[in-house]
């Protein structure tokens, strides 16, 4: 019984987490959603990969990456040309 109750509690917590994630993702611009999905699928993302993925301007993408880092969605690793990002 203890095991089943524990599993049921874990399911409830995960359902709440999924709902919060849906709300956060619904408020994101399309470019940010594409960046986050790419990072989720590949483990990490660079600005160069995002340019190939979206076809967006480098400066536009830099702004979106900066917003995602400030929001706490992505971690930035490195600086300059070698910078890459992953999910927190």
PDB file of N, CA and C in Angstrom:
ATOM      1  N   UNK A   1       0.833  -1.197   0.000  1.00  0.00           N
ATOM      2  CA  UNK A   1       0.000   0.000   0.000  1.00  0.00           C
ATOM      3  C   UNK A   1       0.874   1.255   0.000  1.00  0.00           C
ATOM      4  N   UNK A   2       1.944   1.215   0.802  1.00  0.00           N
ATOM      5  CA  UNK A   2       2.832   2.374   0.858  1.00  0.00           C
ATOM      6  C   UNK A   2       3.383   2.697  -0.526  1.00  0.00           C
ATOM      7  N   UNK A   3       3.817   1.665  -1.239  1.00  0.00           N
ATOM      8  CA  UNK A   3       4.380   1.847  -2.574  1.00  0.00           C
ATOM      9  C   UNK A   3       3.350   2.459  -3.516  1.00  0.00           C
ATOM     10  N   UNK A   4       2.135   1.969  -3.494  1.00  0.00           N
ATOM     11  CA  UNK A   4       1.084   2.496  -4.366  1.00  0.00           C
ATOM     12  C   UNK A   4       0.751   3.944  -4.030  1.00  0.00           C
ATOM     13  N   UNK A   5       0.691   4.279  -2.742  1.00  0.00           N
ATOM     14  CA  UNK A   5       0.438   5.664  -2.347  1.00  0.00           C
ATOM     15  C   UNK A   5       1.571   6.579  -2.808  1.00  0.00           C
ATOM     16  N   UNK A   6       2.788   6.087  -2.673  1.00  0.00           N
ATOM     17  CA  UNK A   6       3.946   6.875  -3.113  1.00  0.00           C
ATOM     18  C   UNK A   6       3.901   7.129  -4.619  1.00  0.00           C
ATOM     19  N   UNK A   7       3.565   6.109  -5.374  1.00  0.00           N
ATOM     20  CA  UNK A   7       3.443   6.268  -6.820  1.00  0.00           C
ATOM     21  C   UNK A   7       2.330   7.246  -7.186  1.00  0.00           C
ATOM     22  N   UNK A   8       1.206   7.146  -6.510  1.00  0.00           N
ATOM     23  CA  UNK A   8       0.089   8.052  -6.776  1.00  0.00           C
ATOM     24  C   UNK A   8       0.487   9.496  -6.476  1.00  0.00           C
ATOM     25  N   UNK A   9       1.221   9.726  -5.400  1.00  0.00           N
ATOM     26  CA  UNK A   9       1.686  11.073  -5.056  1.00  0.00           C
ATOM     27  C   UNK A   9       2.670  11.584  -6.111  1.00  0.00           C
ATOM     28  N   UNK A  10       3.539  10.706  -6.571  1.00  0.00           N
ATOM     29  CA  UNK A  10       4.493  11.104  -7.601  1.00  0.00           C
ATOM     30  C   UNK A  10       3.766  11.467  -8.894  1.00  0.00           C
ATOM     31  N   UNK A  11       2.744  10.731  -9.254  1.00  0.00           N
ATOM     32  CA  UNK A  11       1.950  11.028 -10.451  1.00  0.00           C
ATOM     33  C   UNK A  11       1.302  12.394 -10.309  1.00  0.00           C
ATOM     34  N   UNK A  12       0.739  12.706  -9.155  1.00  0.00           N
ATOM     35  CA  UNK A  12       0.107  14.017  -8.938  1.00  0.00           C
ATOM     36  C   UNK A  12       1.128  15.142  -9.082  1.00  0.00           C
ATOM     37  N   UNK A  13       2.304  14.960  -8.505  1.00  0.00           N
ATOM     38  CA  UNK A  13       3.355  15.989  -8.614  1.00  0.00           C
ATOM     39  C   UNK A  13       3.787  16.205 -10.054  1.00  0.00           C
ATOM     40  N   UNK A  14       3.961  15.105 -10.784  1.00  0.00           N
ATOM     41  CA  UNK A  14       4.363  15.224 -12.185  1.00  0.00           C
ATOM     42  C   UNK A  14       3.284  15.883 -13.036  1.00  0.00           C
ATOM     43  N   UNK A  15       2.025  15.594 -12.752  1.00  0.00           N
ATOM     44  CA  UNK A  15       0.930  16.239 -13.486  1.00  0.00           C
ATOM     45  C   UNK A  15       0.943  17.742 -13.256  1.00  0.00           C
ATOM     46  N   UNK A  16       1.182  18.177 -12.026  1.00  0.00           N
ATOM     47  CA  UNK A  16       1.268  19.613 -11.729  1.00  0.00           C
ATOM     48  C   UNK A  16       2.443  20.236 -12.462  1.00  0.00           C
ATOM     49  N   UNK A  17       3.564  19.537 -12.476  1.00  0.00           N
ATOM     50  CA  UNK A  17       4.759  20.049 -13.158  1.00  0.00           C
ATOM     51  C   UNK A  17       4.518  20.188 -14.657  1.00  0.00           C
ATOM     52  N   UNK A  18       3.858  19.219 -15.260  1.00  0.00           N
ATOM     53  CA  UNK A  18       3.540  19.265 -16.685  1.00  0.00           C
ATOM     54  C   UNK A  18       2.612  20.439 -16.983  1.00  0.00           C
ATOM     55  N   UNK A  19       1.636  20.666 -16.147  1.00  0.00           N
ATOM     56  CA  UNK A  19       0.717  21.793 -16.341  1.00  0.00           C
ATOM     57  C   UNK A  19       1.457  23.127 -16.274  1.00  0.00           C
ATOM     58  N   UNK A  20       2.349  23.277 -15.296  1.00  0.00           N
ATOM     59  CA  UNK A  20       3.146  24.510 -15.201  1.00  0.00           C
ATOM     60  C   UNK A  20       3.997  24.694 -16.453  1.00  0.00           C
ATOM     61  N   UNK A  21       4.589  23.595 -16.935  1.00  0.00           N
ATOM     62  CA  UNK A  21       5.428  23.645 -18.133  1.00  0.00           C
ATOM     63  C   UNK A  21       4.603  24.088 -19.346  1.00  0.00           C
ATOM     64  N   UNK A  22       3.386  23.577 -19.466  1.00  0.00           N
ATOM     65  CA  UNK A  22       2.525  23.966 -20.581  1.00  0.00           C
ATOM     66  C   UNK A  22       2.209  25.455 -20.540  1.00  0.00           C
ATOM     67  N   UNK A  23       1.948  25.981 -19.359  1.00  0.00           N
ATOM     68  CA  UNK A  23       1.636  27.404 -19.213  1.00  0.00           C
ATOM     69  C   UNK A  23       2.836  28.252 -19.612  1.00  0.00           C
ATOM     70  N   UNK A  24       4.015  27.863 -19.157  1.00  0.00           N
ATOM     71  CA  UNK A  24       5.235  28.613 -19.477  1.00  0.00           C
ATOM     72  C   UNK A  24       5.502  28.560 -20.972  1.00  0.00           C
ATOM     73  N   UNK A  25       5.393  27.387 -21.573  1.00  0.00           N
ATOM     74  CA  UNK A  25       5.665  27.248 -23.001  1.00  0.00           C
ATOM     75  C   UNK A  25       4.633  27.990 -23.851  1.00  0.00           C
ATOM     76  N   UNK A  26       3.403  28.073 -23.396  1.00  0.00           N
ATOM     77  CA  UNK A  26       2.374  28.764 -24.164  1.00  0.00           C
ATOM     78  C   UNK A  26       2.649  30.261 -24.241  1.00  0.00           C
ATOM     79  N   UNK A  27       3.361  30.792 -23.256  1.00  0.00           N
ATOM     80  CA  UNK A  27       3.644  32.224 -23.226  1.00  0.00           C
ATOM     81  C   UNK A  27       4.901  32.589 -24.014  1.00  0.00           C
ATOM     82  N   UNK A  28       5.646  31.607 -24.507  1.00  0.00           N
ATOM     83  CA  UNK A  28       6.899  31.870 -25.221  1.00  0.00           C
ATOM     84  C   UNK A  28       6.658  32.188 -26.687  1.00  0.00           C
ATOM     85  N   UNK A  29       7.487  33.078 -27.241  1.00  0.00           N
ATOM     86  CA  UNK A  29       7.441  33.303 -28.698  1.00  0.00           C
ATOM     87  C   UNK A  29       7.865  32.034 -29.446  1.00  0.00           C
ATOM     88  N   UNK A  30       7.472  31.929 -30.693  1.00  0.00           N
ATOM     89  CA  UNK A  30       7.733  30.733 -31.501  1.00  0.00           C
ATOM     90  C   UNK A  30       9.224  30.410 -31.602  1.00  0.00           C
ATOM     91  N   UNK A  31      10.078  31.419 -31.795  1.00  0.00           N
ATOM     92  CA  UNK A  31      11.524  31.160 -31.892  1.00  0.00           C
ATOM     93  C   UNK A  31      12.065  30.539 -30.608  1.00  0.00           C
ATOM     94  N   UNK A  32      11.617  31.023 -29.473  1.00  0.00           N
ATOM     95  CA  UNK A  32      12.077  30.466 -28.207  1.00  0.00           C
ATOM     96  C   UNK A  32      11.603  29.022 -28.043  1.00  0.00           C
ATOM     97  N   UNK A  33      10.394  28.739 -28.479  1.00  0.00           N
ATOM     98  CA  UNK A  33       9.898  27.360 -28.417  1.00  0.00           C
ATOM     99  C   UNK A  33      10.763  26.428 -29.264  1.00  0.00           C
ATOM    100  N   UNK A  34      11.136  26.882 -30.455  1.00  0.00           N
ATOM    101  CA  UNK A  34      11.975  26.072 -31.329  1.00  0.00           C
ATOM    102  C   UNK A  34      13.348  25.825 -30.697  1.00  0.00           C
ATOM    103  N   UNK A  35      13.908  26.853 -30.070  1.00  0.00           N
ATOM    104  CA  UNK A  35      15.208  26.723 -29.408  1.00  0.00           C
ATOM    105  C   UNK A  35      15.125  25.716 -28.270  1.00  0.00           C
ATOM    106  N   UNK A  36      14.104  25.833 -27.429  1.00  0.00           N
ATOM    107  CA  UNK A  36      13.943  24.939 -26.284  1.00  0.00           C
ATOM    108  C   UNK A  36      13.720  23.507 -26.749  1.00  0.00           C
ATOM    109  N   UNK A  37      12.910  23.301 -27.759  1.00  0.00           N
ATOM    110  CA  UNK A  37      12.662  21.951 -28.267  1.00  0.00           C
ATOM    111  C   UNK A  37      13.935  21.339 -28.839  1.00  0.00           C
ATOM    112  N   UNK A  38      14.728  22.130 -29.559  1.00  0.00           N
ATOM    113  CA  UNK A  38      15.990  21.627 -30.104  1.00  0.00           C
ATOM    114  C   UNK A  38      16.925  21.222 -28.971  1.00  0.00           C
ATOM    115  N   UNK A  39      17.021  22.056 -27.944  1.00  0.00           N
ATOM    116  CA  UNK A  39      17.869  21.749 -26.788  1.00  0.00           C
ATOM    117  C   UNK A  39      17.370  20.497 -26.082  1.00  0.00           C
ATOM    118  N   UNK A  40      16.073  20.331 -25.995  1.00  0.00           N
ATOM    119  CA  UNK A  40      15.503  19.147 -25.337  1.00  0.00           C
ATOM    120  C   UNK A  40      15.830  17.880 -26.128  1.00  0.00           C
ATOM    121  N   UNK A  41      15.761  17.957 -27.447  1.00  0.00           N
ATOM    122  CA  UNK A  41      16.003  16.789 -28.292  1.00  0.00           C
ATOM    123  C   UNK A  41      17.480  16.421 -28.385  1.00  0.00           C
ATOM    124  N   UNK A  42      18.358  17.450 -28.425  1.00  0.00           N
ATOM    125  CA  UNK A  42      19.781  17.206 -28.670  1.00  0.00           C
ATOM    126  C   UNK A  42      20.664  17.384 -27.435  1.00  0.00           C
ATOM    127  N   UNK A  43      20.099  17.848 -26.346  1.00  0.00           N
ATOM    128  CA  UNK A  43      20.886  18.025 -25.127  1.00  0.00           C
ATOM    129  C   UNK A  43      21.555  19.378 -25.015  1.00  0.00           C
ATOM    130  N   UNK A  44      21.819  20.005 -26.124  1.00  0.00           N
ATOM    131  CA  UNK A  44      22.428  21.338 -26.127  1.00  0.00           C
ATOM    132  C   UNK A  44      22.156  22.013 -27.462  1.00  0.00           C
ATOM    133  N   UNK A  45      22.392  23.331 -27.508  1.00  0.00           N
ATOM    134  CA  UNK A  45      22.139  24.098 -28.726  1.00  0.00           C
ATOM    135  C   UNK A  45      23.117  25.269 -28.784  1.00  0.00           C
ATOM    136  N   UNK A  46      23.520  25.608 -29.989  1.00  0.00           N
ATOM    137  CA  UNK A  46      24.346  26.795 -30.209  1.00  0.00           C
ATOM    138  C   UNK A  46      23.549  27.783 -31.053  1.00  0.00           C
ATOM    139  N   UNK A  47      24.029  28.999 -31.120  1.00  0.00           N
ATOM    140  CA  UNK A  47      23.353  30.000 -31.949  1.00  0.00           C
ATOM    141  C   UNK A  47      23.438  29.599 -33.422  1.00  0.00           C
ATOM    142  N   UNK A  48      24.569  29.049 -33.831  1.00  0.00           N
ATOM    143  CA  UNK A  48      24.721  28.591 -35.222  1.00  0.00           C
ATOM    144  C   UNK A  48      23.694  27.529 -35.587  1.00  0.00           C
ATOM    145  N   UNK A  49      23.464  26.582 -34.676  1.00  0.00           N
ATOM    146  CA  UNK A  49      22.451  25.549 -34.927  1.00  0.00           C
ATOM    147  C   UNK A  49      21.061  26.162 -34.993  1.00  0.00           C
ATOM    148  N   UNK A  50      20.800  27.146 -34.136  1.00  0.00           N
ATOM    149  CA  UNK A  50      19.491  27.812 -34.140  1.00  0.00           C
ATOM    150  C   UNK A  50      19.272  28.592 -35.435  1.00  0.00           C
ATOM    151  N   UNK A  51      20.328  29.165 -35.978  1.00  0.00           N
ATOM    152  CA  UNK A  51      20.213  29.878 -37.262  1.00  0.00           C
ATOM    153  C   UNK A  51      19.816  28.896 -38.355  1.00  0.00           C
ATOM    154  N   UNK A  52      20.492  27.736 -38.401  1.00  0.00           N
ATOM    155  CA  UNK A  52      20.157  26.719 -39.402  1.00  0.00           C
ATOM    156  C   UNK A  52      18.733  26.206 -39.215  1.00  0.00           C
ATOM    157  N   UNK A  53      18.324  26.027 -37.966  1.00  0.00           N
ATOM    158  CA  UNK A  53      17.003  25.499 -37.650  1.00  0.00           C
ATOM    159  C   UNK A  53      15.887  26.470 -38.036  1.00  0.00           C
ATOM    160  N   UNK A  54      16.066  27.742 -37.671  1.00  0.00           N
ATOM    161  CA  UNK A  54      14.973  28.709 -37.814  1.00  0.00           C
ATOM    162  C   UNK A  54      15.117  29.637 -39.018  1.00  0.00           C
ATOM    163  N   UNK A  55      16.352  29.868 -39.464  1.00  0.00           N
ATOM    164  CA  UNK A  55      16.576  30.824 -40.540  1.00  0.00           C
ATOM    165  C   UNK A  55      16.486  32.265 -40.072  1.00  0.00           C
ATOM    166  N   UNK A  56      16.444  32.460 -38.748  1.00  0.00           N
ATOM    167  CA  UNK A  56      16.317  33.806 -38.181  1.00  0.00           C
ATOM    168  C   UNK A  56      17.682  34.505 -38.147  1.00  0.00           C
ATOM    169  N   UNK A  57      17.642  35.802 -37.981  1.00  0.00           N
ATOM    170  CA  UNK A  57      18.824  36.638 -37.888  1.00  0.00           C
ATOM    171  C   UNK A  57      19.597  36.326 -36.603  1.00  0.00           C
ATOM    172  N   UNK A  58      20.936  36.370 -36.680  1.00  0.00           N
ATOM    173  CA  UNK A  58      21.791  36.080 -35.519  1.00  0.00           C
ATOM    174  C   UNK A  58      21.474  36.995 -34.334  1.00  0.00           C
ATOM    175  N   UNK A  59      21.323  38.290 -34.585  1.00  0.00           N
ATOM    176  CA  UNK A  59      21.053  39.228 -33.485  1.00  0.00           C
ATOM    177  C   UNK A  59      19.688  38.973 -32.847  1.00  0.00           C
ATOM    178  N   UNK A  60      18.715  38.616 -33.649  1.00  0.00           N
ATOM    179  CA  UNK A  60      17.395  38.271 -33.111  1.00  0.00           C
ATOM    180  C   UNK A  60      17.502  37.050 -32.204  1.00  0.00           C
ATOM    181  N   UNK A  61      18.227  36.049 -32.654  1.00  0.00           N
ATOM    182  CA  UNK A  61      18.393  34.834 -31.865  1.00  0.00           C
ATOM    183  C   UNK A  61      19.169  35.107 -30.583  1.00  0.00           C
ATOM    184  N   UNK A  62      20.165  35.973 -30.653  1.00  0.00           N
ATOM    185  CA  UNK A  62      20.918  36.320 -29.442  1.00  0.00           C
ATOM    186  C   UNK A  62      19.985  36.901 -28.380  1.00  0.00           C
ATOM    187  N   UNK A  63      19.054  37.750 -28.801  1.00  0.00           N
ATOM    188  CA  UNK A  63      18.091  38.329 -27.864  1.00  0.00           C
ATOM    189  C   UNK A  63      17.216  37.241 -27.245  1.00  0.00           C
ATOM    190  N   UNK A  64      16.780  36.282 -28.050  1.00  0.00           N
ATOM    191  CA  UNK A  64      15.937  35.202 -27.543  1.00  0.00           C
ATOM    192  C   UNK A  64      16.722  34.297 -26.599  1.00  0.00           C
ATOM    193  N   UNK A  65      17.967  33.988 -26.942  1.00  0.00           N
ATOM    194  CA  UNK A  65      18.802  33.187 -26.047  1.00  0.00           C
ATOM    195  C   UNK A  65      19.013  33.917 -24.721  1.00  0.00           C
ATOM    196  N   UNK A  66      19.287  35.220 -24.791  1.00  0.00           N
ATOM    197  CA  UNK A  66      19.494  36.011 -23.575  1.00  0.00           C
ATOM    198  C   UNK A  66      18.243  35.965 -22.695  1.00  0.00           C
ATOM    199  N   UNK A  67      17.075  36.102 -23.313  1.00  0.00           N
ATOM    200  CA  UNK A  67      15.812  36.061 -22.559  1.00  0.00           C
ATOM    201  C   UNK A  67      15.603  34.687 -21.915  1.00  0.00           C
ATOM    202  N   UNK A  68      15.943  33.622 -22.626  1.00  0.00           N
ATOM    203  CA  UNK A  68      15.787  32.273 -22.080  1.00  0.00           C
ATOM    204  C   UNK A  68      16.746  32.028 -20.915  1.00  0.00           C
ATOM    205  N   UNK A  69      17.950  32.582 -20.996  1.00  0.00           N
ATOM    206  CA  UNK A  69      18.909  32.452 -19.894  1.00  0.00           C
ATOM    207  C   UNK A  69      18.420  33.244 -18.690  1.00  0.00           C
ATOM    208  N   UNK A  70      17.953  34.479 -18.922  1.00  0.00           N
ATOM    209  CA  UNK A  70      17.461  35.313 -17.822  1.00  0.00           C
ATOM    210  C   UNK A  70      16.229  34.699 -17.169  1.00  0.00           C
ATOM    211  N   UNK A  71      15.383  34.061 -17.950  1.00  0.00           N
ATOM    212  CA  UNK A  71      14.167  33.428 -17.436  1.00  0.00           C
ATOM    213  C   UNK A  71      14.493  32.154 -16.652  1.00  0.00           C
ATOM    214  N   UNK A  72      15.681  31.598 -16.882  1.00  0.00           N
ATOM    215  CA  UNK A  72      16.082  30.384 -16.184  1.00  0.00           C
ATOM    216  C   UNK A  72      15.757  29.110 -16.937  1.00  0.00           C
ATOM    217  N   UNK A  73      15.432  29.239 -18.210  1.00  0.00           N
ATOM    218  CA  UNK A  73      15.109  28.060 -19.015  1.00  0.00           C
ATOM    219  C   UNK A  73      16.374  27.390 -19.527  1.00  0.00           C
ATOM    220  N   UNK A  74      17.378  28.194 -19.907  1.00  0.00           N
ATOM    221  CA  UNK A  74      18.635  27.671 -20.440  1.00  0.00           C
ATOM    222  C   UNK A  74      19.808  28.069 -19.556  1.00  0.00           C
ATOM    223  N   UNK A  75      20.847  27.237 -19.587  1.00  0.00           N
ATOM    224  CA  UNK A  75      22.146  27.559 -18.987  1.00  0.00           C
ATOM    225  C   UNK A  75      23.099  27.939 -20.104  1.00  0.00           C
ATOM    226  N   UNK A  76      23.905  28.963 -19.897  1.00  0.00           N
ATOM    227  CA  UNK A  76      24.918  29.349 -20.868  1.00  0.00           C
ATOM    228  C   UNK A  76      26.252  28.777 -20.429  1.00  0.00           C
ATOM    229  N   UNK A  77      26.976  28.171 -21.372  1.00  0.00           N
ATOM    230  CA  UNK A  77      28.294  27.604 -21.105  1.00  0.00           C
ATOM    231  C   UNK A  77      29.296  28.261 -22.050  1.00  0.00           C
ATOM    232  N   UNK A  78      30.310  28.886 -21.489  1.00  0.00           N
ATOM    233  CA  UNK A  78      31.338  29.524 -22.294  1.00  0.00           C
ATOM    234  C   UNK A  78      30.962  30.938 -22.688  1.00  0.00           C
ATOM    235  N   UNK A  79      31.849  31.530 -23.459  1.00  0.00           N
ATOM    236  CA  UNK A  79      31.641  32.899 -23.947  1.00  0.00           C
ATOM    237  C   UNK A  79      32.149  32.991 -25.380  1.00  0.00           C
ATOM    238  N   UNK A  80      31.670  33.985 -26.074  1.00  0.00           N
ATOM    239  CA  UNK A  80      32.158  34.241 -27.429  1.00  0.00           C
ATOM    240  C   UNK A  80      31.752  33.163 -28.413  1.00  0.00           C
ATOM    241  N   UNK A  81      32.672  32.812 -29.291  1.00  0.00           N
ATOM    242  CA  UNK A  81      32.372  31.879 -30.371  1.00  0.00           C
ATOM    243  C   UNK A  81      32.068  30.461 -29.894  1.00  0.00           C
ATOM    244  N   UNK A  82      32.565  30.083 -28.737  1.00  0.00           N
ATOM    245  CA  UNK A  82      32.381  28.724 -28.259  1.00  0.00           C
ATOM    246  C   UNK A  82      31.178  28.530 -27.350  1.00  0.00           C
ATOM    247  N   UNK A  83      30.318  29.530 -27.239  1.00  0.00           N
ATOM    248  CA  UNK A  83      29.194  29.438 -26.307  1.00  0.00           C
ATOM    249  C   UNK A  83      28.178  28.397 -26.775  1.00  0.00           C
ATOM    250  N   UNK A  84      27.631  27.657 -25.804  1.00  0.00           N
ATOM    251  CA  UNK A  84      26.535  26.728 -26.072  1.00  0.00           C
ATOM    252  C   UNK A  84      25.597  26.743 -24.885  1.00  0.00           C
ATOM    253  N   UNK A  85      24.406  26.233 -25.090  1.00  0.00           N
ATOM    254  CA  UNK A  85      23.337  26.306 -24.094  1.00  0.00           C
ATOM    255  C   UNK A  85      22.728  24.928 -23.896  1.00  0.00           C
ATOM    256  N   UNK A  86      22.276  24.671 -22.665  1.00  0.00           N
ATOM    257  CA  UNK A  86      21.503  23.477 -22.380  1.00  0.00           C
ATOM    258  C   UNK A  86      20.363  23.836 -21.438  1.00  0.00           C
ATOM    259  N   UNK A  87      19.442  22.879 -21.272  1.00  0.00           N
ATOM    260  CA  UNK A  87      18.281  23.113 -20.412  1.00  0.00           C
ATOM    261  C   UNK A  87      18.678  23.032 -18.955  1.00  0.00           C
ATOM    262  N   UNK A  88      18.038  23.871 -18.142  1.00  0.00           N
ATOM    263  CA  UNK A  88      18.265  23.805 -16.687  1.00  0.00           C
ATOM    264  C   UNK A  88      17.502  22.667 -16.103  1.00  0.00           C
TER     265      UNK A  88
END
